[in-house]
Amino acid sequence: MENKQTYCIEATHPCFAGHFPDNPIVPGVIILTFVQQQLLAWLPAYQINTLAQAKFLHPLHPGEDFSIQLKQSSSVKNIKFSCTRGTDVLATGSIMLQNLPGAKHE
C-alpha cells in the first residue's frame, strides 16, 4: 500500500524566523512532522514506535511544493518514506509502528 500527498510551506511559517535569516530552509523536524501527520491520518490504528532512519539529502526552501510518499513494506508496521521536489529526493527514511491500544486492526 502507498500514500502520497503534496504540500507547500509558505515563507510566513514561524520556522523560518531563525532558520536561516539570509537563506531560509525548512528544518528537518518540520518535514518529519508532515511525514508523521500524513502517516497517522493514513493508518489511524497505529502509532509511531521508532524513527528507524532519516536522511536529508537536499534543502527545501519556503514556497516550494514537495511530496511525501509513504510505502508499507512486507510488514504492515514498517513504513518507508520519501520526500521529493520534482525529481530531487529531499529526504528518505523508515518508521516502525506499533498497535494503537484499543484500535481495530485489519
N, C-alpha and C. Protein backbone atom coordinates (compact mmCIF):
# COMPACT_ATOMS: atom_id res chain seq x y z
N MET A 1 0.83 -1.18 0.00
CA MET A 1 0.00 0.00 0.00
C MET A 1 0.87 1.25 0.00
N GLU A 2 0.36 2.28 -0.62
CA GLU A 2 1.08 3.54 -0.69
C GLU A 2 0.15 4.71 -0.40
N ASN A 3 0.74 5.82 -0.02
CA ASN A 3 0.00 7.04 0.22
C ASN A 3 0.91 8.20 -0.16
N LYS A 4 0.39 9.11 -1.00
CA LYS A 4 1.20 10.25 -1.44
C LYS A 4 0.39 11.53 -1.31
N GLN A 5 1.02 12.57 -0.78
CA GLN A 5 0.40 13.88 -0.62
C GLN A 5 1.42 14.95 -1.02
N THR A 6 0.92 16.09 -1.47
CA THR A 6 1.77 17.22 -1.84
C THR A 6 1.49 18.39 -0.91
N TYR A 7 2.56 19.11 -0.54
CA TYR A 7 2.48 20.20 0.43
C TYR A 7 3.30 21.39 -0.06
N CYS A 8 3.11 22.52 0.61
CA CYS A 8 3.92 23.71 0.42
C CYS A 8 3.99 24.44 1.75
N ILE A 9 5.18 24.77 2.20
CA ILE A 9 5.36 25.51 3.44
C ILE A 9 5.70 26.95 3.06
N GLU A 10 4.79 27.85 3.35
CA GLU A 10 4.94 29.25 2.95
C GLU A 10 6.00 29.97 3.79
N ALA A 11 6.51 31.04 3.24
CA ALA A 11 7.57 31.83 3.89
C ALA A 11 7.12 32.44 5.21
N THR A 12 5.82 32.51 5.45
CA THR A 12 5.30 33.07 6.70
C THR A 12 5.33 32.08 7.86
N HIS A 13 5.68 30.83 7.60
CA HIS A 13 5.73 29.82 8.66
C HIS A 13 6.76 30.26 9.70
N PRO A 14 6.44 30.13 11.00
CA PRO A 14 7.36 30.60 12.05
C PRO A 14 8.72 29.89 12.08
N CYS A 15 8.85 28.74 11.44
CA CYS A 15 10.13 28.02 11.47
C CYS A 15 11.25 28.80 10.77
N PHE A 16 10.88 29.74 9.90
CA PHE A 16 11.90 30.47 9.14
C PHE A 16 12.50 31.65 9.90
N ALA A 17 11.96 31.97 11.07
CA ALA A 17 12.45 33.12 11.84
C ALA A 17 13.95 33.03 12.12
N GLY A 18 14.45 31.85 12.40
CA GLY A 18 15.87 31.73 12.69
C GLY A 18 16.56 30.64 11.90
N HIS A 19 15.95 30.18 10.82
CA HIS A 19 16.49 29.01 10.12
C HIS A 19 16.56 29.27 8.62
N PHE A 20 17.26 29.91 8.03
CA PHE A 20 18.34 30.82 8.39
C PHE A 20 17.98 32.16 7.79
N PRO A 21 18.23 33.28 8.45
CA PRO A 21 17.72 34.58 8.00
C PRO A 21 18.07 34.95 6.56
N ASP A 22 19.28 34.68 6.11
CA ASP A 22 19.67 35.07 4.75
C ASP A 22 19.44 33.98 3.71
N ASN A 23 19.17 32.78 4.15
CA ASN A 23 18.94 31.65 3.25
C ASN A 23 17.99 30.67 3.93
N PRO A 24 16.70 31.01 3.99
CA PRO A 24 15.77 30.17 4.74
C PRO A 24 15.61 28.78 4.14
N ILE A 25 15.67 27.77 4.99
CA ILE A 25 15.38 26.39 4.60
C ILE A 25 14.46 25.78 5.64
N VAL A 26 13.66 24.83 5.20
CA VAL A 26 12.74 24.15 6.10
C VAL A 26 13.56 23.22 7.00
N PRO A 27 13.43 23.34 8.32
CA PRO A 27 14.14 22.42 9.21
C PRO A 27 13.65 20.98 9.02
N GLY A 28 14.56 20.05 9.18
CA GLY A 28 14.21 18.63 9.05
C GLY A 28 13.07 18.22 9.96
N VAL A 29 13.03 18.77 11.16
CA VAL A 29 11.97 18.40 12.10
C VAL A 29 10.59 18.80 11.57
N ILE A 30 10.50 19.86 10.80
CA ILE A 30 9.22 20.27 10.21
C ILE A 30 8.81 19.27 9.13
N ILE A 31 9.75 18.85 8.30
CA ILE A 31 9.45 17.83 7.29
C ILE A 31 8.98 16.55 7.97
N LEU A 32 9.67 16.14 9.04
CA LEU A 32 9.27 14.92 9.76
C LEU A 32 7.89 15.07 10.40
N THR A 33 7.53 16.27 10.82
CA THR A 33 6.19 16.50 11.37
C THR A 33 5.13 16.27 10.29
N PHE A 34 5.39 16.72 9.07
CA PHE A 34 4.46 16.48 7.97
C PHE A 34 4.37 14.98 7.68
N VAL A 35 5.50 14.27 7.70
CA VAL A 35 5.50 12.82 7.50
C VAL A 35 4.64 12.16 8.58
N GLN A 36 4.86 12.55 9.83
CA GLN A 36 4.11 11.97 10.95
C GLN A 36 2.61 12.21 10.79
N GLN A 37 2.21 13.43 10.50
CA GLN A 37 0.79 13.74 10.37
C GLN A 37 0.14 12.97 9.23
N GLN A 38 0.83 12.87 8.11
CA GLN A 38 0.29 12.12 6.97
C GLN A 38 0.17 10.64 7.31
N LEU A 39 1.19 10.09 7.95
CA LEU A 39 1.20 8.67 8.30
C LEU A 39 0.07 8.33 9.26
N LEU A 40 -0.11 9.12 10.31
CA LEU A 40 -1.13 8.82 11.31
C LEU A 40 -2.54 9.03 10.76
N ALA A 41 -2.72 9.93 9.80
CA ALA A 41 -4.02 10.09 9.15
C ALA A 41 -4.31 8.90 8.23
N TRP A 42 -3.27 8.36 7.61
CA TRP A 42 -3.41 7.24 6.68
C TRP A 42 -3.66 5.93 7.42
N LEU A 43 -2.96 5.71 8.52
CA LEU A 43 -3.05 4.46 9.29
C LEU A 43 -3.43 4.77 10.74
N PRO A 44 -4.67 5.16 10.99
CA PRO A 44 -5.05 5.63 12.32
C PRO A 44 -5.07 4.56 13.41
N ALA A 45 -4.98 3.29 13.06
CA ALA A 45 -4.98 2.22 14.07
C ALA A 45 -3.59 1.98 14.66
N TYR A 46 -2.61 2.79 14.24
CA TYR A 46 -1.23 2.61 14.70
C TYR A 46 -0.68 3.90 15.27
N GLN A 47 0.41 3.76 16.01
CA GLN A 47 1.16 4.91 16.49
C GLN A 47 2.63 4.67 16.17
N ILE A 48 3.39 5.75 16.12
CA ILE A 48 4.81 5.63 15.80
C ILE A 48 5.56 5.10 17.01
N ASN A 49 6.35 4.07 16.77
CA ASN A 49 7.20 3.49 17.80
C ASN A 49 8.61 4.06 17.71
N THR A 50 9.17 4.05 16.48
CA THR A 50 10.56 4.45 16.30
C THR A 50 10.77 5.10 14.93
N LEU A 51 11.53 6.17 14.91
CA LEU A 51 12.05 6.68 13.66
C LEU A 51 13.35 5.92 13.44
N ALA A 52 13.29 4.89 12.61
CA ALA A 52 14.43 3.98 12.47
C ALA A 52 15.58 4.61 11.69
N GLN A 53 15.23 5.46 10.72
CA GLN A 53 16.27 6.08 9.89
C GLN A 53 15.70 7.33 9.23
N ALA A 54 16.52 8.34 9.08
CA ALA A 54 16.15 9.53 8.32
C ALA A 54 17.40 10.14 7.72
N LYS A 55 17.35 10.43 6.43
CA LYS A 55 18.46 11.09 5.72
C LYS A 55 17.89 12.30 5.00
N PHE A 56 18.57 13.42 5.17
CA PHE A 56 18.18 14.65 4.48
C PHE A 56 19.22 14.92 3.41
N LEU A 57 18.79 14.92 2.15
CA LEU A 57 19.72 14.95 1.02
C LEU A 57 19.80 16.30 0.32
N HIS A 58 18.71 17.06 0.32
CA HIS A 58 18.67 18.37 -0.33
C HIS A 58 17.81 19.30 0.51
N PRO A 59 18.10 20.60 0.49
CA PRO A 59 17.29 21.54 1.27
C PRO A 59 15.95 21.82 0.59
N LEU A 60 14.98 22.19 1.42
CA LEU A 60 13.67 22.64 0.96
C LEU A 60 13.52 24.09 1.36
N HIS A 61 13.15 24.93 0.40
CA HIS A 61 13.03 26.37 0.65
C HIS A 61 11.55 26.77 0.75
N PRO A 62 11.27 27.91 1.38
CA PRO A 62 9.88 28.35 1.51
C PRO A 62 9.20 28.50 0.15
N GLY A 63 7.93 28.10 0.11
CA GLY A 63 7.13 28.25 -1.10
C GLY A 63 7.33 27.16 -2.14
N GLU A 64 8.20 26.20 -1.89
CA GLU A 64 8.41 25.11 -2.85
C GLU A 64 7.45 23.96 -2.56
N ASP A 65 6.80 23.47 -3.61
CA ASP A 65 5.95 22.29 -3.46
C ASP A 65 6.84 21.07 -3.25
N PHE A 66 6.39 20.18 -2.37
CA PHE A 66 7.09 18.92 -2.17
C PHE A 66 6.07 17.83 -1.88
N SER A 67 6.44 16.60 -2.18
CA SER A 67 5.54 15.47 -1.96
C SER A 67 6.15 14.51 -0.96
N ILE A 68 5.27 13.89 -0.19
CA ILE A 68 5.68 12.83 0.74
C ILE A 68 4.99 11.56 0.28
N GLN A 69 5.79 10.52 0.04
CA GLN A 69 5.26 9.22 -0.34
C GLN A 69 5.56 8.24 0.78
N LEU A 70 4.52 7.55 1.24
CA LEU A 70 4.65 6.53 2.27
C LEU A 70 4.38 5.18 1.64
N LYS A 71 5.20 4.18 1.99
CA LYS A 71 5.02 2.82 1.46
C LYS A 71 5.14 1.83 2.60
N GLN A 72 4.17 0.91 2.65
CA GLN A 72 4.28 -0.19 3.60
C GLN A 72 5.16 -1.25 2.98
N SER A 73 6.11 -1.75 3.75
CA SER A 73 6.91 -2.86 3.26
C SER A 73 6.18 -4.15 3.61
N SER A 74 6.84 -5.28 3.54
CA SER A 74 6.18 -6.57 3.77
C SER A 74 5.50 -6.62 5.14
N SER A 75 6.06 -5.94 6.10
CA SER A 75 5.43 -5.84 7.42
C SER A 75 4.62 -4.56 7.47
N VAL A 76 3.35 -4.68 7.85
CA VAL A 76 2.48 -3.50 7.91
C VAL A 76 3.04 -2.45 8.87
N LYS A 77 3.88 -2.86 9.80
CA LYS A 77 4.38 -1.94 10.81
C LYS A 77 5.70 -1.26 10.41
N ASN A 78 6.20 -1.53 9.21
CA ASN A 78 7.43 -0.91 8.73
C ASN A 78 7.07 -0.01 7.55
N ILE A 79 7.25 1.29 7.72
CA ILE A 79 6.88 2.26 6.70
C ILE A 79 8.14 2.96 6.18
N LYS A 80 8.29 2.97 4.87
CA LYS A 80 9.37 3.73 4.23
C LYS A 80 8.77 5.05 3.73
N PHE A 81 9.52 6.13 3.86
CA PHE A 81 9.03 7.41 3.34
C PHE A 81 10.08 8.06 2.47
N SER A 82 9.60 8.85 1.52
CA SER A 82 10.49 9.69 0.72
C SER A 82 9.79 11.02 0.50
N CYS A 83 10.59 12.06 0.53
CA CYS A 83 10.11 13.42 0.28
C CYS A 83 10.82 13.91 -0.97
N THR A 84 10.04 14.38 -1.93
CA THR A 84 10.61 14.80 -3.20
C THR A 84 10.11 16.18 -3.60
N ARG A 85 10.93 16.85 -4.38
CA ARG A 85 10.58 18.12 -5.02
C ARG A 85 10.92 17.92 -6.48
N GLY A 86 9.90 17.67 -7.29
CA GLY A 86 10.16 17.32 -8.68
C GLY A 86 10.92 16.00 -8.71
N THR A 87 12.09 16.01 -9.35
CA THR A 87 12.90 14.78 -9.41
C THR A 87 13.93 14.71 -8.29
N ASP A 88 14.05 15.76 -7.49
CA ASP A 88 15.02 15.77 -6.38
C ASP A 88 14.46 15.04 -5.17
N VAL A 89 15.24 14.12 -4.64
CA VAL A 89 14.87 13.45 -3.39
C VAL A 89 15.41 14.29 -2.25
N LEU A 90 14.50 14.82 -1.43
CA LEU A 90 14.89 15.69 -0.32
C LEU A 90 15.24 14.91 0.93
N ALA A 91 14.47 13.86 1.20
CA ALA A 91 14.68 13.08 2.42
C ALA A 91 14.11 11.68 2.22
N THR A 92 14.70 10.72 2.92
CA THR A 92 14.20 9.35 2.94
C THR A 92 14.31 8.83 4.36
N GLY A 93 13.58 7.77 4.63
CA GLY A 93 13.70 7.17 5.95
C GLY A 93 12.73 6.04 6.15
N SER A 94 12.74 5.51 7.37
CA SER A 94 11.82 4.44 7.73
C SER A 94 11.33 4.65 9.15
N ILE A 95 10.10 4.23 9.35
CA ILE A 95 9.42 4.40 10.63
C ILE A 95 8.82 3.06 11.03
N MET A 96 8.98 2.70 12.28
CA MET A 96 8.37 1.49 12.82
C MET A 96 7.12 1.89 13.60
N LEU A 97 6.04 1.16 13.36
CA LEU A 97 4.77 1.43 14.01
C LEU A 97 4.48 0.38 15.08
N GLN A 98 3.56 0.71 15.96
CA GLN A 98 3.02 -0.27 16.89
C GLN A 98 1.52 -0.07 16.96
N ASN A 99 0.82 -1.11 17.40
CA ASN A 99 -0.64 -1.03 17.50
C ASN A 99 -1.04 0.07 18.47
N LEU A 100 -2.06 0.80 18.10
CA LEU A 100 -2.65 1.78 19.00
C LEU A 100 -3.59 1.02 19.92
N PRO A 101 -3.38 1.09 21.23
CA PRO A 101 -4.22 0.31 22.15
C PRO A 101 -5.70 0.60 21.93
N GLY A 102 -6.48 -0.47 21.82
CA GLY A 102 -7.92 -0.34 21.66
C GLY A 102 -8.39 -0.11 20.24
N ALA A 103 -7.47 0.09 19.30
CA ALA A 103 -7.86 0.35 17.90
C ALA A 103 -8.12 -0.96 17.18
N LYS A 104 -9.01 -0.89 16.19
CA LYS A 104 -9.32 -2.06 15.38
C LYS A 104 -8.27 -2.17 14.27
N HIS A 105 -7.63 -3.34 14.16
CA HIS A 105 -6.59 -3.56 13.14
C HIS A 105 -7.09 -4.54 12.10
N GLU A 106 -6.73 -4.25 10.86
CA GLU A 106 -7.14 -5.13 9.76
C GLU A 106 -6.09 -6.18 9.51
